[in-house]
Structure formats: structure tokens, C-alpha cells
């Protein structure tokens, strides 16, 4: 009995040490993240990311309220799904391997969904009411965002990543009308993050809104254009993924082949224009090269209209056959 009593405080101390270690690790991840974003080798980082995701999930079991670890997990899920899995989907589709592409896309959907749920959890650490306001509808949800979130440093990560992950999940489930109907909620989250700090995470909120306003069903492209221009001005054309997204989303929908080609060539010819975002720009170059090869599929060559087929003249009506009376009245020879 005495031995058991002595073990209890030891177990409690062990638990506290584990949490302390996990919490201490979060600071290391925060300082190490910029090194990954500056890396030049797309393949090397892609091979490392799955193990990092699993590691974050393990830490979340120990310290689920650690905002740095939650944020890192969200970024890893969304970054890997977009930068590597969706990249693989496009390659497989181009090779005609549609079943394999759909299997990979299913993986991306799960990762976006997990990232969205983690982001909602991140918001809930300091703010209550997300689900309740969502259930009330868009206007109460927007009003709650205005009232509840006013600290750029503390609130921007949760708002941006929740909206970004949610929007990515919707984009990966375009055939699900129930999912698509939630797009205004995702936009509301990102819009509030922009209002607090438009430059947060390399102006990712501005880029998200430009894509969302262009790709939405029935989008008004004239209304979407200012979002692109604002994002381009803010990033000084150094965020190459922005230019790729503009080409694939906006130029294609406009059917502006000249703009499409110019944007993608600008990406491929750009040097190391943003070292702190080198990895993301590498992802942009991969896609730019792929999309340029698809230019004739995305912009079918103009085909001259076929010459009109002349309408044939109606055939003359046959002469009526003489009736018996007419035959009787005919003069005899």
C-alpha cells in the first residue's frame, strides 16, 4: 500500500514532465519553420512531411491546447495536401490514371477536413460559440466574428487557417452541394483575418479571396479582378503561386490565352525572388510548367464556323392528273 502511494506522485510528475517537454518542443518548431519554407528541394521536403504530420498528431494527444502545435499541424496538413497530393493527382489525371487520381484526391479531402477541424479547435481555445453561430446562419456568424475577434497577433492564425482549410475542402468536393453551400462561411473567416492583418502568412488571405471570388459558381469576373490586383500589388509579384493561381483560375475562366501564357512564363523565368518563400515558389514552378503544356486543352484553337449549307430549292409540284370530266371535255383530234 505504501509503495502504491509512493508511485502516484511519481506518475503525476512523469505526466507533467511529458507535457512540459511537449510544450517546450513547440518553441523549437516555431523557430525551425522558416528553414523549411526556405528550402529548395521539393522532393526532400515532401518525403519528410508525412512523418512530421504524424509527430504533430502525437504531440496533440499530450498537449491539445498548445496553439503552436495545433497551428503547425494545420499548416502541415494543408501544405502537404495542396503541394504534394494534389500535385500527384494532376500528374495521374494527365497520364489517364483516373482511379488512382481519385484515390489520392480522397486522401487530400481527409487532410483538408482534419485541418479545418483543427482550426476550429484552435479558435475554440480562446473563443466560444463557433458551432452555435454557424448554426444560426451567415449574418450572425459574421457579426460574431466582428465582435469576438479583434487581436491580429492572436486571432489571425485561427481565422485564416480555418477559412483556408475549409475552402480547400470545399474545392476538393465541388460535386457536394452541401459542402459548396458553406463557402460564404469560409470566406467570412478569411475576410476577418484580412481586416485584422492583410499581410499575415505572406498575404495568403488576399490570395484565397481572389481565387474564391473567381471560382465560385456564377462568379462575376469583373468583381473578382480587384482582388487579384490587390494581391499582386501586396506581394509585388514575388509570390509566384499567386500568379499561377491567377492564370489557372482567372485567365482560364476569362479565356484570356495571352494573359495565361504571360503569367506562367513570368513564373518560370523568375529567379529566387522571395527566398523566405522559396519552397512555395518551387511548387508554383512545377505547376506553371504543367499548365503551359495544357494550353491547347484549356484554350481550344479558334475553329472557323462552317459555311452555311444552302437550302435546296423546292422541287416543282407535279402537274395534276386529268380527271374524267377533264378528259371528256378535251377536244378530239
Protein backbone atom coordinates (compact mmCIF):
# COMPACT_ATOMS: atom_id res chain seq x y z
CA UNK A 1 0.00 0.00 0.00
CA UNK A 2 2.83 2.38 0.90
CA UNK A 3 4.62 1.52 -2.35
CA UNK A 4 1.47 2.23 -4.36
CA UNK A 5 1.05 5.56 -2.59
CA UNK A 6 4.63 6.48 -3.42
CA UNK A 7 4.07 5.65 -7.09
CA UNK A 8 1.16 8.08 -7.51
CA UNK A 9 3.18 11.31 -7.19
CA UNK A 10 5.89 9.80 -9.41
CA UNK A 11 3.33 9.10 -12.14
CA UNK A 12 1.94 12.60 -11.79
CA UNK A 13 5.42 14.07 -12.05
CA UNK A 14 6.06 11.91 -15.14
CA UNK A 15 2.90 13.22 -16.74
CA UNK A 16 3.88 16.80 -16.00
CA UNK A 17 7.38 16.23 -17.42
CA UNK A 18 5.87 14.82 -20.62
CA UNK A 19 3.62 17.84 -21.03
CA UNK A 20 6.47 20.19 -20.21
CA UNK A 21 8.65 18.52 -22.84
CA UNK A 22 5.87 18.65 -25.44
CA UNK A 23 5.19 22.31 -24.73
CA UNK A 24 8.90 23.10 -24.88
CA UNK A 25 9.12 21.34 -28.24
CA UNK A 26 6.56 23.74 -29.71
CA UNK A 27 9.02 26.62 -29.42
CA UNK A 28 11.56 24.62 -31.41
CA UNK A 29 9.03 24.01 -34.18
CA UNK A 30 8.19 27.71 -34.33
CA UNK A 31 11.84 28.63 -34.81
CA UNK A 32 12.50 25.82 -37.31
CA UNK A 33 9.52 26.50 -39.60
CA UNK A 34 11.19 29.30 -41.62
CA UNK A 35 14.03 26.93 -42.57
CA UNK A 36 11.54 24.57 -44.23
CA UNK A 37 9.87 27.42 -46.11
CA UNK A 38 13.29 28.50 -47.43
CA UNK A 39 14.26 25.01 -48.62
CA UNK A 40 14.95 24.48 -52.31
CA UNK A 41 14.36 20.70 -52.68
CA UNK A 42 10.69 19.94 -53.32
CA UNK A 43 11.13 16.16 -53.20
CA UNK A 44 13.13 16.12 -49.98
CA UNK A 45 10.60 18.21 -48.08
CA UNK A 46 7.70 16.20 -49.48
CA UNK A 47 9.22 12.94 -48.22
CA UNK A 48 9.69 14.42 -44.73
CA UNK A 49 6.22 15.93 -44.29
CA UNK A 50 4.21 12.75 -43.55
CA UNK A 51 6.42 11.88 -40.58
CA UNK A 52 6.12 15.46 -39.33
CA UNK A 53 2.32 15.20 -39.54
CA UNK A 54 2.32 12.00 -37.51
CA UNK A 55 4.65 13.61 -34.96
CA UNK A 56 2.30 16.57 -34.57
CA UNK A 57 -0.66 14.26 -34.03
CA UNK A 58 1.27 12.53 -31.27
CA UNK A 59 2.04 15.81 -29.57
CA UNK A 60 -1.60 16.86 -29.85
CA UNK A 61 -2.52 13.83 -27.76
CA UNK A 62 -0.35 15.21 -24.97
CA UNK A 63 -0.93 18.97 -25.24
CA UNK A 64 -4.09 19.51 -27.33
CA UNK A 65 -4.38 23.14 -26.21
CA UNK A 66 -0.89 24.16 -27.37
CA UNK A 67 -1.67 26.73 -30.06
CA UNK A 68 1.72 26.46 -31.76
CA UNK A 69 1.43 22.71 -32.20
CA UNK A 70 -2.16 22.96 -33.42
CA UNK A 71 -1.14 25.65 -35.91
CA UNK A 72 1.80 23.59 -37.16
CA UNK A 73 -0.45 20.57 -37.67
CA UNK A 74 -2.91 22.65 -39.71
CA UNK A 75 -0.13 24.05 -41.89
CA UNK A 76 1.36 20.62 -42.46
CA UNK A 77 -1.95 19.05 -43.47
CA UNK A 78 -2.96 21.83 -45.84
CA UNK A 79 0.54 22.29 -47.26
CA UNK A 80 1.09 18.60 -47.93
CA UNK A 81 -2.40 18.08 -49.39
CA UNK A 82 -2.07 21.00 -51.78
CA UNK A 83 1.62 20.96 -52.61
CA UNK A 84 2.17 17.22 -52.96
CA UNK A 85 -1.02 15.18 -53.05
CA UNK A 86 -2.97 17.45 -55.40
CA UNK A 87 0.17 17.75 -57.49
CA UNK A 88 0.21 13.96 -57.79
CA UNK A 89 -3.49 13.99 -58.67
CA UNK A 90 -2.85 16.31 -61.61
CA UNK A 91 0.01 14.14 -62.87
CA UNK A 92 -2.08 10.97 -62.65
CA UNK A 93 -5.00 12.62 -64.43
CA UNK A 94 -2.70 13.76 -67.21
CA UNK A 95 -1.49 10.18 -67.64
CA UNK A 96 -5.05 8.87 -67.77
CA UNK A 97 -4.87 7.07 -64.39
CA UNK A 98 -8.21 8.36 -63.16
CA UNK A 99 -8.91 5.73 -60.49
CA UNK A 100 -5.52 6.32 -58.87
CA UNK A 101 -6.06 10.07 -59.10
CA UNK A 102 -9.41 9.81 -57.32
CA UNK A 103 -7.85 7.70 -54.55
CA UNK A 104 -5.22 10.39 -54.00
CA UNK A 105 -7.87 13.12 -54.06
CA UNK A 106 -9.76 11.27 -51.35
CA UNK A 107 -6.62 11.47 -49.20
CA UNK A 108 -6.43 15.22 -49.81
CA UNK A 109 -10.07 15.65 -48.77
CA UNK A 110 -9.44 13.88 -45.46
CA UNK A 111 -6.41 16.07 -44.81
CA UNK A 112 -8.30 19.29 -45.54
CA UNK A 113 -11.13 18.12 -43.31
CA UNK A 114 -8.73 17.34 -40.48
CA UNK A 115 -7.04 20.73 -40.91
CA UNK A 116 -10.41 22.50 -40.81
CA UNK A 117 -11.42 20.68 -37.63
CA UNK A 118 -8.09 21.52 -36.00
CA UNK A 119 -8.51 25.17 -36.97
CA UNK A 120 -11.98 25.29 -35.41
CA UNK A 121 -10.40 23.75 -32.30
CA UNK A 122 -7.69 26.45 -32.42
CA UNK A 123 -10.34 29.17 -32.48
CA UNK A 124 -12.19 27.47 -29.63
CA UNK A 125 -9.18 27.62 -27.32
CA UNK A 126 -9.82 31.33 -26.74
CA UNK A 127 -13.30 31.87 -28.22
CA UNK A 128 -16.56 30.03 -27.65
CA UNK A 129 -19.55 29.91 -29.95
CA UNK A 130 -18.25 28.81 -33.37
CA UNK A 131 -20.75 25.99 -33.93
CA UNK A 132 -23.67 27.87 -32.39
CA UNK A 133 -23.14 30.91 -34.63
CA UNK A 134 -22.65 28.72 -37.68
CA UNK A 135 -25.98 27.02 -36.95
CA UNK A 136 -27.69 30.45 -36.73
CA UNK A 137 -26.65 31.39 -40.27
CA UNK A 138 -24.19 33.57 -42.16
CA UNK A 139 -25.14 37.02 -40.84
CA UNK A 140 -24.99 36.06 -37.13
CA UNK A 141 -21.73 34.24 -37.88
CA UNK A 142 -20.23 37.37 -39.50
CA UNK A 143 -21.42 39.56 -36.62
CA UNK A 144 -19.82 37.16 -34.12
CA UNK A 145 -16.51 37.38 -35.99
CA UNK A 146 -16.61 41.18 -35.81
CA UNK A 147 -17.45 41.25 -32.11
CA UNK A 148 -15.26 38.41 -30.88
CA UNK A 149 -12.02 38.77 -32.86
CA UNK A 150 -10.01 41.96 -32.56
CA UNK A 151 -6.41 40.89 -31.87
CA UNK A 152 -4.35 40.48 -35.03
CA UNK A 153 -1.50 38.53 -33.45
CA UNK A 154 -3.65 36.06 -31.53
CA UNK A 155 -6.66 35.73 -33.83
CA UNK A 156 -5.29 35.77 -37.38
CA UNK A 157 -3.85 32.21 -37.37
CA UNK A 158 -7.10 30.54 -36.38
CA UNK A 159 -9.25 32.67 -38.67
CA UNK A 160 -7.04 32.32 -41.73
CA UNK A 161 -6.27 28.62 -41.39
CA UNK A 162 -9.88 27.71 -40.58
CA UNK A 163 -11.11 29.54 -43.65
CA UNK A 164 -8.30 28.31 -45.88
CA UNK A 165 -8.68 24.66 -44.86
CA UNK A 166 -12.46 24.85 -45.12
CA UNK A 167 -12.25 26.46 -48.55
CA UNK A 168 -9.75 23.84 -49.71
CA UNK A 169 -12.07 21.08 -48.51
CA UNK A 170 -14.94 22.68 -50.46
CA UNK A 171 -12.77 23.00 -53.58
CA UNK A 172 -11.94 19.30 -53.33
CA UNK A 173 -15.66 18.43 -53.03
CA UNK A 174 -17.19 20.58 -55.78
CA UNK A 175 -19.82 17.97 -56.56
CA UNK A 176 -21.13 18.10 -52.97
CA UNK A 177 -23.64 20.95 -52.95
CA UNK A 178 -23.92 20.83 -49.17
CA UNK A 179 -20.18 21.44 -48.88
CA UNK A 180 -20.24 24.19 -51.54
CA UNK A 181 -23.02 25.99 -49.66
CA UNK A 182 -20.56 26.58 -46.80
CA UNK A 183 -18.17 28.66 -48.93
CA UNK A 184 -19.50 32.02 -47.60
CA UNK A 185 -18.61 30.92 -44.05
CA UNK A 186 -15.05 30.08 -45.13
CA UNK A 187 -14.80 33.45 -46.89
CA UNK A 188 -16.09 35.24 -43.78
CA UNK A 189 -13.29 33.74 -41.67
CA UNK A 190 -10.60 34.73 -44.14
CA UNK A 191 -12.09 38.19 -44.67
CA UNK A 192 -11.95 38.88 -40.93
CA UNK A 193 -8.29 37.79 -40.84
CA UNK A 194 -7.55 40.22 -43.70
CA UNK A 195 -9.25 43.04 -41.82
CA UNK A 196 -7.01 42.35 -38.82
CA UNK A 197 -3.76 41.80 -40.76
CA UNK A 198 -3.78 41.56 -44.58
CA UNK A 199 -0.06 40.68 -44.66
CA UNK A 200 -0.33 37.68 -42.35
CA UNK A 201 1.27 34.48 -43.72
CA UNK A 202 2.57 36.13 -46.89
CA UNK A 203 -0.81 37.71 -47.77
CA UNK A 204 -2.41 34.27 -48.01
CA UNK A 205 -5.82 35.72 -47.15
CA UNK A 206 -5.82 38.05 -50.16
CA UNK A 207 -4.86 35.18 -52.46
CA UNK A 208 -7.60 32.97 -51.02
CA UNK A 209 -10.25 35.64 -51.59
CA UNK A 210 -9.12 36.25 -55.17
CA UNK A 211 -9.40 32.54 -56.00
CA UNK A 212 -12.70 32.15 -54.14
CA UNK A 213 -14.31 35.13 -55.88
CA UNK A 214 -13.21 33.78 -59.27
CA UNK A 215 -14.05 30.10 -58.82
CA UNK A 216 -17.44 30.46 -57.09
CA UNK A 217 -20.47 29.28 -59.08
CA UNK A 218 -21.78 32.16 -61.17
CA UNK A 219 -18.76 34.32 -60.27
CA UNK A 220 -18.65 37.92 -61.51
CA UNK A 221 -15.17 38.09 -63.02
CA UNK A 222 -15.22 41.89 -63.20
CA UNK A 223 -15.88 41.97 -59.45
CA UNK A 224 -13.15 39.38 -58.84
CA UNK A 225 -10.43 41.28 -60.74
CA UNK A 226 -9.73 43.88 -57.99
CA UNK A 227 -8.94 41.05 -55.56
CA UNK A 228 -6.21 39.82 -57.92
CA UNK A 229 -4.81 43.29 -58.44
CA UNK A 230 -4.73 43.97 -54.70
CA UNK A 231 -2.95 40.66 -54.05
CA UNK A 232 -0.41 41.28 -56.82
CA UNK A 233 0.37 44.76 -55.51
CA UNK A 234 0.71 43.49 -51.93
CA UNK A 235 3.08 40.67 -52.91
CA UNK A 236 4.99 42.71 -55.53
CA UNK A 237 4.66 39.78 -57.96
CA UNK A 238 7.15 37.79 -55.86
CA UNK A 239 4.59 35.24 -54.67
CA UNK A 240 4.74 33.01 -57.75
CA UNK A 241 1.93 30.75 -56.57
CA UNK A 242 -0.37 33.77 -56.76
CA UNK A 243 0.50 34.22 -60.45
CA UNK A 244 -0.07 30.52 -61.14
CA UNK A 245 -3.44 30.62 -59.42
CA UNK A 246 -4.42 33.73 -61.35
CA UNK A 247 -3.54 32.02 -64.63
CA UNK A 248 -5.37 28.78 -63.84
CA UNK A 249 -8.44 30.31 -62.19
CA UNK A 250 -8.92 33.78 -63.64
CA UNK A 251 -7.29 33.66 -67.10
CA UNK A 252 -8.86 30.33 -67.98
CA UNK A 253 -12.30 31.45 -66.91
CA UNK A 254 -11.83 34.66 -68.91
CA UNK A 255 -10.50 32.58 -71.80
CA UNK A 256 -7.60 35.03 -71.98
CA UNK A 257 -4.90 32.86 -73.52
CA UNK A 258 -2.38 35.70 -73.83
CA UNK A 259 -2.61 36.57 -70.13
CA UNK A 260 -2.44 32.88 -69.15
CA UNK A 261 0.78 32.29 -71.09
CA UNK A 262 2.37 35.55 -69.93
CA UNK A 263 1.73 34.82 -66.24
CA UNK A 264 3.12 31.28 -66.41
CA UNK A 265 6.19 32.33 -68.37
CA UNK A 266 6.82 35.04 -65.79
CA UNK A 267 6.79 32.34 -63.09
CA UNK A 268 9.20 30.08 -64.98
CA UNK A 269 11.59 32.92 -65.80
CA UNK A 270 11.60 34.44 -62.29
CA UNK A 271 14.71 33.94 -60.23
CA UNK A 272 14.91 33.40 -56.49
CA UNK A 273 12.63 36.39 -55.96
CA UNK A 274 11.44 35.51 -52.45
CA UNK A 275 13.97 33.38 -50.50
CA UNK A 276 11.76 33.21 -47.40
CA UNK A 277 9.10 31.54 -49.56
CA UNK A 278 11.39 29.50 -51.79
CA UNK A 279 9.62 26.17 -51.32
CA UNK A 280 6.21 27.57 -52.22
CA UNK A 281 7.68 29.19 -55.31
CA UNK A 282 9.14 25.82 -56.30
CA UNK A 283 5.64 24.36 -56.13
CA UNK A 284 4.47 27.23 -58.33
CA UNK A 285 7.11 26.49 -60.98
CA UNK A 286 6.13 22.82 -61.16
CA UNK A 287 2.53 23.76 -61.83
CA UNK A 288 3.37 26.55 -64.25
CA UNK A 289 5.33 24.16 -66.46
CA UNK A 290 2.48 21.62 -66.38
CA UNK A 291 -0.23 24.15 -67.17
CA UNK A 292 1.72 25.60 -70.09
CA UNK A 293 1.80 22.14 -71.66
CA UNK A 294 -2.01 22.07 -71.37
CA UNK A 295 -2.58 25.42 -73.06
CA UNK A 296 -4.32 23.99 -76.14
CA UNK A 297 -6.64 21.93 -73.93
CA UNK A 298 -7.57 24.91 -71.77
CA UNK A 299 -7.87 27.29 -74.74
CA UNK A 300 -9.14 25.36 -77.75
CA UNK A 301 -7.92 26.91 -81.02
CA UNK A 302 -10.47 29.04 -82.83
CA UNK A 303 -12.29 26.98 -85.43
CA UNK A 304 -13.83 28.98 -88.27
CA UNK A 305 -17.56 28.47 -88.50
CA UNK A 306 -18.68 26.01 -91.11
CA UNK A 307 -20.06 27.50 -94.34
CA UNK A 308 -23.83 27.59 -94.28
CA UNK A 309 -25.43 24.71 -96.09
CA UNK A 310 -27.52 26.11 -98.94
CA UNK A 311 -31.20 25.42 -98.66
CA UNK A 312 -32.28 23.41 -101.69
CA UNK A 313 -34.90 24.97 -103.94
CA UNK A 314 -38.23 23.24 -103.51
CA UNK A 315 -39.00 20.82 -106.33
CA UNK A 316 -41.81 21.96 -108.67
CA UNK A 317 -45.14 20.47 -107.84
CA UNK A 318 -46.16 17.71 -110.26
CA UNK A 319 -48.86 18.58 -112.80
CA UNK A 320 -52.24 17.35 -111.65
CA UNK A 321 -53.57 14.21 -113.33
CA UNK A 322 -56.52 14.91 -115.62
CA UNK A 323 -59.86 13.99 -114.16
CA UNK A 324 -62.52 12.01 -116.02
CA UNK A 325 -64.55 15.17 -116.71
CA UNK A 326 -61.50 16.98 -117.99
CA UNK A 327 -60.74 14.10 -120.31
CA UNK A 328 -64.28 14.17 -121.70
CA UNK A 329 -64.09 17.91 -122.36
CA UNK A 330 -60.75 17.65 -124.12
CA UNK A 331 -61.01 18.43 -127.87
CA UNK A 332 -60.93 15.37 -130.08
CA UNK A 333 -58.45 15.12 -132.88
